[in-house]
Amino acid sequence: MTAALVAHLFGPETAAVAAAAAEIEIHTDPHWDPFAAANGLF
């Protein structure tokens, strides 16, 4: 969610740079949820 806020405030390029620096991946697909099945959400 922080990446979305950074993208909203400063633009997607800045969010991508921040994500790379923090070594995280930004997932923009709302249907991608690796924990949904583990928690019985579908």
C-alpha atoms as a PDB file:
ATOM      1  CA  MET A   1       0.000   0.000   0.000  1.00  0.00           C
ATOM      2  CA  THR A   2       2.888   2.339   0.608  1.00  0.00           C
ATOM      3  CA  ALA A   3       3.974   1.943  -3.009  1.00  0.00           C
ATOM      4  CA  ALA A   4       0.510   3.038  -4.132  1.00  0.00           C
ATOM      5  CA  LEU A   5       0.707   6.117  -1.911  1.00  0.00           C
ATOM      6  CA  VAL A   6       4.170   7.016  -3.193  1.00  0.00           C
ATOM      7  CA  ALA A   7       2.941   6.548  -6.771  1.00  0.00           C
ATOM      8  CA  HIS A   8      -0.102   8.723  -6.080  1.00  0.00           C
ATOM      9  CA  LEU A   9       1.929  11.509  -4.479  1.00  0.00           C
ATOM     10  CA  PHE A  10       5.110  11.440  -6.558  1.00  0.00           C
ATOM     11  CA  GLY A  11       4.382   9.369  -9.657  1.00  0.00           C
ATOM     12  CA  PRO A  12       4.902   5.744 -10.695  1.00  0.00           C
ATOM     13  CA  GLU A  13       8.531   6.271 -11.666  1.00  0.00           C
ATOM     14  CA  THR A  14       9.428   7.429  -8.163  1.00  0.00           C
ATOM     15  CA  ALA A  15       7.495   4.509  -6.669  1.00  0.00           C
ATOM     16  CA  ALA A  16       9.459   2.096  -8.862  1.00  0.00           C
ATOM     17  CA  VAL A  17      12.778   3.629  -7.783  1.00  0.00           C
ATOM     18  CA  ALA A  18      11.766   3.471  -4.104  1.00  0.00           C
ATOM     19  CA  ALA A  19      10.626  -0.144  -4.486  1.00  0.00           C
ATOM     20  CA  ALA A  20      13.914  -1.114  -6.115  1.00  0.00           C
ATOM     21  CA  ALA A  21      15.852   0.561  -3.307  1.00  0.00           C
ATOM     22  CA  ALA A  22      13.770  -1.301  -0.709  1.00  0.00           C
ATOM     23  CA  GLU A  23      14.095  -4.545  -2.692  1.00  0.00           C
ATOM     24  CA  ILE A  24      10.335  -5.123  -2.956  1.00  0.00           C
ATOM     25  CA  GLU A  25       8.065  -5.940  -5.884  1.00  0.00           C
ATOM     26  CA  ILE A  26       5.047  -3.778  -6.650  1.00  0.00           C
ATOM     27  CA  HIS A  27       2.016  -5.834  -7.645  1.00  0.00           C
ATOM     28  CA  THR A  28      -0.683  -3.810  -9.359  1.00  0.00           C
ATOM     29  CA  ASP A  29      -3.052  -6.705 -10.137  1.00  0.00           C
ATOM     30  CA  PRO A  30      -5.807  -6.631  -7.486  1.00  0.00           C
ATOM     31  CA  HIS A  31      -6.596 -10.293  -8.169  1.00  0.00           C
ATOM     32  CA  TRP A  32      -3.079 -11.466  -7.245  1.00  0.00           C
ATOM     33  CA  ASP A  33      -3.246 -12.569  -3.615  1.00  0.00           C
ATOM     34  CA  PRO A  34      -0.990 -15.476  -2.666  1.00  0.00           C
ATOM     35  CA  PHE A  35      -2.491 -15.618   0.830  1.00  0.00           C
ATOM     36  CA  ALA A  36      -6.179 -15.784  -0.136  1.00  0.00           C
ATOM     37  CA  ALA A  37      -6.282 -19.575  -0.543  1.00  0.00           C
ATOM     38  CA  ALA A  38      -4.276 -20.146   2.629  1.00  0.00           C
ATOM     39  CA  ASN A  39      -6.825 -18.115   4.574  1.00  0.00           C
ATOM     40  CA  GLY A  40      -9.922 -19.669   2.975  1.00  0.00           C
ATOM     41  CA  LEU A  41     -10.939 -16.527   1.094  1.00  0.00           C
ATOM     42  CA  PHE A  42     -11.871 -18.401  -2.071  1.00  0.00           C
END
